[in-house]
Each structure stands twice: as C-alpha cells, then as structure tokens.
C-alpha cells in the first residue's frame, strides 16, 4: 500500500507541475513556471526511484 501511495503522489507531482507550467507559460509569469518545473522534476525523480526499486513487488 505504501509503494502505491508513493506512485500516486509522484504522478500527482508531475501532473501538478505540468499544469502550473502550462498556466504560467500562457500568462507569461516566469517565477511561477520555475515552481512548476521544480514539481515536475521532483515527480520524475520519485518515479525513477519507484521504477528502480521494484514497483509494487511484494506490496499487499
């Protein structure tokens, strides 16, 4: 269960970051776009760790 929550939060970080980047790019607000990029990077790193350490194998 814990690994699945990790996966869901990782995907949520990426999705939230992409929404922030898209909206800030449309409104031409650079500092907010940087925050969105940070969220995307955090989510991608978490997803990489999720894949690297075996996904939900052994999770009930």
PDB file of N, CA and C in Angstrom:
ATOM      1  N   UNK A   1       0.821  -1.196   0.000  1.00  0.00           N
ATOM      2  CA  UNK A   1       0.000   0.000   0.000  1.00  0.00           C
ATOM      3  C   UNK A   1       0.870   1.267   0.000  1.00  0.00           C
ATOM      4  N   UNK A   2       1.952   1.191   0.746  1.00  0.00           N
ATOM      5  CA  UNK A   2       2.823   2.362   0.860  1.00  0.00           C
ATOM      6  C   UNK A   2       3.478   2.715  -0.478  1.00  0.00           C
ATOM      7  N   UNK A   3       3.878   1.686  -1.233  1.00  0.00           N
ATOM      8  CA  UNK A   3       4.516   1.937  -2.527  1.00  0.00           C
ATOM      9  C   UNK A   3       3.520   2.506  -3.526  1.00  0.00           C
ATOM     10  N   UNK A   4       2.278   2.063  -3.440  1.00  0.00           N
ATOM     11  CA  UNK A   4       1.262   2.603  -4.349  1.00  0.00           C
ATOM     12  C   UNK A   4       0.978   4.066  -4.035  1.00  0.00           C
ATOM     13  N   UNK A   5       0.966   4.410  -2.753  1.00  0.00           N
ATOM     14  CA  UNK A   5       0.795   5.808  -2.370  1.00  0.00           C
ATOM     15  C   UNK A   5       1.964   6.639  -2.892  1.00  0.00           C
ATOM     16  N   UNK A   6       3.162   6.080  -2.836  1.00  0.00           N
ATOM     17  CA  UNK A   6       4.346   6.745  -3.371  1.00  0.00           C
ATOM     18  C   UNK A   6       4.177   7.005  -4.861  1.00  0.00           C
ATOM     19  N   UNK A   7       3.661   6.004  -5.585  1.00  0.00           N
ATOM     20  CA  UNK A   7       3.431   6.144  -7.022  1.00  0.00           C
ATOM     21  C   UNK A   7       2.388   7.221  -7.306  1.00  0.00           C
ATOM     22  N   UNK A   8       1.291   7.205  -6.571  1.00  0.00           N
ATOM     23  CA  UNK A   8       0.218   8.181  -6.789  1.00  0.00           C
ATOM     24  C   UNK A   8       0.709   9.593  -6.507  1.00  0.00           C
ATOM     25  N   UNK A   9       1.446   9.785  -5.432  1.00  0.00           N
ATOM     26  CA  UNK A   9       1.943  11.131  -5.134  1.00  0.00           C
ATOM     27  C   UNK A   9       2.975  11.581  -6.168  1.00  0.00           C
ATOM     28  N   UNK A  10       3.774  10.658  -6.676  1.00  0.00           N
ATOM     29  CA  UNK A  10       4.754  11.012  -7.709  1.00  0.00           C
ATOM     30  C   UNK A  10       4.068  11.481  -8.981  1.00  0.00           C
ATOM     31  N   UNK A  11       3.050  10.750  -9.402  1.00  0.00           N
ATOM     32  CA  UNK A  11       2.296  11.138 -10.593  1.00  0.00           C
ATOM     33  C   UNK A  11       1.575  12.464 -10.352  1.00  0.00           C
ATOM     34  N   UNK A  12       1.078  12.663  -9.138  1.00  0.00           N
ATOM     35  CA  UNK A  12       0.403  13.923  -8.813  1.00  0.00           C
ATOM     36  C   UNK A  12       1.373  15.105  -8.893  1.00  0.00           C
ATOM     37  N   UNK A  13       2.607  14.913  -8.424  1.00  0.00           N
ATOM     38  CA  UNK A  13       3.613  15.976  -8.536  1.00  0.00           C
ATOM     39  C   UNK A  13       3.860  16.349  -9.994  1.00  0.00           C
ATOM     40  N   UNK A  14       4.004  15.341 -10.844  1.00  0.00           N
ATOM     41  CA  UNK A  14       4.252  15.607 -12.262  1.00  0.00           C
ATOM     42  C   UNK A  14       3.056  16.324 -12.880  1.00  0.00           C
ATOM     43  N   UNK A  15       1.856  15.841 -12.599  1.00  0.00           N
ATOM     44  CA  UNK A  15       0.651  16.451 -13.171  1.00  0.00           C
ATOM     45  C   UNK A  15       0.485  17.891 -12.693  1.00  0.00           C
ATOM     46  N   UNK A  16       0.657  18.115 -11.402  1.00  0.00           N
ATOM     47  CA  UNK A  16       0.535  19.469 -10.863  1.00  0.00           C
ATOM     48  C   UNK A  16       1.589  20.385 -11.471  1.00  0.00           C
ATOM     49  N   UNK A  17       2.808  19.895 -11.585  1.00  0.00           N
ATOM     50  CA  UNK A  17       3.872  20.699 -12.178  1.00  0.00           C
ATOM     51  C   UNK A  17       3.584  21.067 -13.618  1.00  0.00           C
ATOM     52  N   UNK A  18       3.061  20.111 -14.389  1.00  0.00           N
ATOM     53  CA  UNK A  18       2.735  20.402 -15.787  1.00  0.00           C
ATOM     54  C   UNK A  18       1.610  21.423 -15.901  1.00  0.00           C
ATOM     55  N   UNK A  19       0.622  21.329 -15.028  1.00  0.00           N
ATOM     56  CA  UNK A  19      -0.467  22.316 -15.037  1.00  0.00           C
ATOM     57  C   UNK A  19       0.072  23.697 -14.690  1.00  0.00           C
ATOM     58  N   UNK A  20       0.924  23.777 -13.677  1.00  0.00           N
ATOM     59  CA  UNK A  20       1.497  25.069 -13.279  1.00  0.00           C
ATOM     60  C   UNK A  20       2.329  25.657 -14.415  1.00  0.00           C
ATOM     61  N   UNK A  21       3.155  24.826 -15.044  1.00  0.00           N
ATOM     62  CA  UNK A  21       3.995  25.313 -16.143  1.00  0.00           C
ATOM     63  C   UNK A  21       3.133  25.802 -17.299  1.00  0.00           C
ATOM     64  N   UNK A  22       2.118  25.042 -17.656  1.00  0.00           N
ATOM     65  CA  UNK A  22       1.263  25.428 -18.780  1.00  0.00           C
ATOM     66  C   UNK A  22       0.527  26.733 -18.499  1.00  0.00           C
ATOM     67  N   UNK A  23      -0.042  26.859 -17.316  1.00  0.00           N
ATOM     68  CA  UNK A  23      -0.795  28.076 -16.991  1.00  0.00           C
ATOM     69  C   UNK A  23       0.121  29.294 -16.879  1.00  0.00           C
ATOM     70  N   UNK A  24       1.299  29.106 -16.293  1.00  0.00           N
ATOM     71  CA  UNK A  24       2.204  30.244 -16.147  1.00  0.00           C
ATOM     72  C   UNK A  24       2.822  30.633 -17.488  1.00  0.00           C
ATOM     73  N   UNK A  25       3.023  29.667 -18.366  1.00  0.00           N
ATOM     74  CA  UNK A  25       3.540  29.996 -19.700  1.00  0.00           C
ATOM     75  C   UNK A  25       2.505  30.794 -20.482  1.00  0.00           C
ATOM     76  N   UNK A  26       1.255  30.422 -20.328  1.00  0.00           N
ATOM     77  CA  UNK A  26       0.181  31.145 -21.005  1.00  0.00           C
ATOM     78  C   UNK A  26       0.067  32.573 -20.475  1.00  0.00           C
ATOM     79  N   UNK A  27       0.287  32.746 -19.167  1.00  0.00           N
ATOM     80  CA  UNK A  27       0.177  34.069 -18.548  1.00  0.00           C
ATOM     81  C   UNK A  27       1.517  34.814 -18.527  1.00  0.00           C
ATOM     82  N   UNK A  28       2.583  34.195 -19.013  1.00  0.00           N
ATOM     83  CA  UNK A  28       3.920  34.800 -19.057  1.00  0.00           C
ATOM     84  C   UNK A  28       4.421  35.195 -17.668  1.00  0.00           C
ATOM     85  N   UNK A  29       4.306  34.267 -16.714  1.00  0.00           N
ATOM     86  CA  UNK A  29       4.785  34.501 -15.354  1.00  0.00           C
ATOM     87  C   UNK A  29       5.927  33.515 -15.087  1.00  0.00           C
ATOM     88  N   UNK A  30       7.145  33.983 -15.237  1.00  0.00           N
ATOM     89  CA  UNK A  30       8.312  33.108 -15.152  1.00  0.00           C
ATOM     90  C   UNK A  30       8.544  32.506 -13.765  1.00  0.00           C
ATOM     91  N   UNK A  31       8.461  33.268 -12.662  1.00  0.00           N
ATOM     92  CA  UNK A  31       8.732  32.650 -11.352  1.00  0.00           C
ATOM     93  C   UNK A  31       7.794  31.485 -11.032  1.00  0.00           C
ATOM     94  N   UNK A  32       6.549  31.593 -11.455  1.00  0.00           N
ATOM     95  CA  UNK A  32       5.606  30.505 -11.208  1.00  0.00           C
ATOM     96  C   UNK A  32       5.955  29.303 -12.080  1.00  0.00           C
ATOM     97  N   UNK A  33       6.433  29.546 -13.282  1.00  0.00           N
ATOM     98  CA  UNK A  33       6.855  28.455 -14.162  1.00  0.00           C
ATOM     99  C   UNK A  33       8.018  27.683 -13.543  1.00  0.00           C
ATOM    100  N   UNK A  34       8.903  28.387 -12.871  1.00  0.00           N
ATOM    101  CA  UNK A  34      10.036  27.722 -12.216  1.00  0.00           C
ATOM    102  C   UNK A  34       9.532  26.785 -11.121  1.00  0.00           C
ATOM    103  N   UNK A  35       8.530  27.213 -10.376  1.00  0.00           N
ATOM    104  CA  UNK A  35       7.935  26.351  -9.347  1.00  0.00           C
ATOM    105  C   UNK A  35       7.342  25.101  -9.994  1.00  0.00           C
ATOM    106  N   UNK A  36       6.674  25.278 -11.127  1.00  0.00           N
ATOM    107  CA  UNK A  36       6.118  24.139 -11.847  1.00  0.00           C
ATOM    108  C   UNK A  36       7.192  23.178 -12.312  1.00  0.00           C
ATOM    109  N   UNK A  37       8.293  23.718 -12.798  1.00  0.00           N
ATOM    110  CA  UNK A  37       9.407  22.873 -13.244  1.00  0.00           C
ATOM    111  C   UNK A  37       9.984  22.084 -12.070  1.00  0.00           C
ATOM    112  N   UNK A  38      10.046  22.705 -10.910  1.00  0.00           N
ATOM    113  CA  UNK A  38      10.539  22.008  -9.716  1.00  0.00           C
ATOM    114  C   UNK A  38       9.615  20.842  -9.362  1.00  0.00           C
ATOM    115  N   UNK A  39       8.303  21.060  -9.432  1.00  0.00           N
ATOM    116  CA  UNK A  39       7.354  19.981  -9.152  1.00  0.00           C
ATOM    117  C   UNK A  39       7.512  18.838 -10.150  1.00  0.00           C
ATOM    118  N   UNK A  40       7.664  19.166 -11.422  1.00  0.00           N
ATOM    119  CA  UNK A  40       7.847  18.126 -12.443  1.00  0.00           C
ATOM    120  C   UNK A  40       9.131  17.345 -12.168  1.00  0.00           C
ATOM    121  N   UNK A  41      10.206  18.044 -11.868  1.00  0.00           N
ATOM    122  CA  UNK A  41      11.481  17.373 -11.597  1.00  0.00           C
ATOM    123  C   UNK A  41      11.372  16.466 -10.372  1.00  0.00           C
ATOM    124  N   UNK A  42      10.712  16.943  -9.330  1.00  0.00           N
ATOM    125  CA  UNK A  42      10.539  16.134  -8.128  1.00  0.00           C
ATOM    126  C   UNK A  42       9.738  14.870  -8.434  1.00  0.00           C
ATOM    127  N   UNK A  43       8.668  15.024  -9.195  1.00  0.00           N
ATOM    128  CA  UNK A  43       7.859  13.868  -9.556  1.00  0.00           C
ATOM    129  C   UNK A  43       8.612  12.877 -10.411  1.00  0.00           C
ATOM    130  N   UNK A  44       9.403  13.366 -11.355  1.00  0.00           N
ATOM    131  CA  UNK A  44      10.168  12.474 -12.233  1.00  0.00           C
ATOM    132  C   UNK A  44      11.224  11.714 -11.438  1.00  0.00           C
ATOM    133  N   UNK A  45      11.874  12.378 -10.516  1.00  0.00           N
ATOM    134  CA  UNK A  45      12.879  11.702  -9.693  1.00  0.00           C
ATOM    135  C   UNK A  45      12.221  10.632  -8.828  1.00  0.00           C
ATOM    136  N   UNK A  46      11.052  10.949  -8.272  1.00  0.00           N
ATOM    137  CA  UNK A  46      10.333   9.960  -7.470  1.00  0.00           C
ATOM    138  C   UNK A  46       9.904   8.770  -8.321  1.00  0.00           C
ATOM    139  N   UNK A  47       9.431   9.033  -9.549  1.00  0.00           N
ATOM    140  CA  UNK A  47       9.035   7.937 -10.433  1.00  0.00           C
ATOM    141  C   UNK A  47      10.237   7.081 -10.826  1.00  0.00           C
ATOM    142  N   UNK A  48      11.369   7.714 -11.050  1.00  0.00           N
ATOM    143  CA  UNK A  48      12.584   6.962 -11.370  1.00  0.00           C
ATOM    144  C   UNK A  48      12.955   6.033 -10.213  1.00  0.00           C
ATOM    145  N   UNK A  49      12.872   6.546  -8.992  1.00  0.00           N
ATOM    146  CA  UNK A  49      13.167   5.716  -7.827  1.00  0.00           C
ATOM    147  C   UNK A  49      12.158   4.584  -7.687  1.00  0.00           C
ATOM    148  N   UNK A  50      10.905   4.871  -7.995  1.00  0.00           N
ATOM    149  CA  UNK A  50       9.858   3.847  -7.930  1.00  0.00           C
ATOM    150  C   UNK A  50      10.166   2.707  -8.892  1.00  0.00           C
ATOM    151  N   UNK A  51      10.554   3.052 -10.106  1.00  0.00           N
ATOM    152  CA  UNK A  51      10.873   2.025 -11.101  1.00  0.00           C
ATOM    153  C   UNK A  51      12.168   1.307 -10.727  1.00  0.00           C
ATOM    154  N   UNK A  52      13.137   2.042 -10.266  1.00  0.00           N
ATOM    155  CA  UNK A  52      14.442   1.464  -9.945  1.00  0.00           C
ATOM    156  C   UNK A  52      14.348   0.444  -8.808  1.00  0.00           C
ATOM    157  N   UNK A  53      13.503   0.705  -7.828  1.00  0.00           N
ATOM    158  CA  UNK A  53      13.440  -0.162  -6.647  1.00  0.00           C
ATOM    159  C   UNK A  53      12.284  -1.144  -6.672  1.00  0.00           C
ATOM    160  N   UNK A  54      11.756  -1.467  -7.840  1.00  0.00           N
ATOM    161  CA  UNK A  54      10.900  -2.629  -7.960  1.00  0.00           C
ATOM    162  C   UNK A  54       9.402  -2.417  -7.992  1.00  0.00           C
ATOM    163  N   UNK A  55       8.913  -1.221  -8.098  1.00  0.00           N
ATOM    164  CA  UNK A  55       7.473  -1.008  -8.214  1.00  0.00           C
ATOM    165  C   UNK A  55       6.712  -1.497  -7.009  1.00  0.00           C
ATOM    166  N   UNK A  56       5.616  -2.196  -7.253  1.00  0.00           N
ATOM    167  CA  UNK A  56       4.782  -2.682  -6.152  1.00  0.00           C
ATOM    168  C   UNK A  56       5.085  -4.136  -5.812  1.00  0.00           C
ATOM    169  N   UNK A  57       6.196  -4.645  -6.276  1.00  0.00           N
ATOM    170  CA  UNK A  57       6.551  -6.037  -5.983  1.00  0.00           C
ATOM    171  C   UNK A  57       6.646  -6.244  -4.473  1.00  0.00           C
ATOM    172  N   UNK A  58       5.908  -7.227  -3.967  1.00  0.00           N
ATOM    173  CA  UNK A  58       5.926  -7.511  -2.536  1.00  0.00           C
ATOM    174  C   UNK A  58       4.987  -6.642  -1.734  1.00  0.00           C
ATOM    175  N   UNK A  59       4.260  -5.781  -2.383  1.00  0.00           N
ATOM    176  CA  UNK A  59       3.323  -4.901  -1.688  1.00  0.00           C
ATOM    177  C   UNK A  59       1.957  -5.561  -1.653  1.00  0.00           C
ATOM    178  N   UNK A  60       1.302  -5.523  -0.513  1.00  0.00           N
ATOM    179  CA  UNK A  60      -0.026  -6.144  -0.416  1.00  0.00           C
ATOM    180  C   UNK A  60      -1.130  -5.151  -0.671  1.00  0.00           C
TER     181      UNK A  60
END
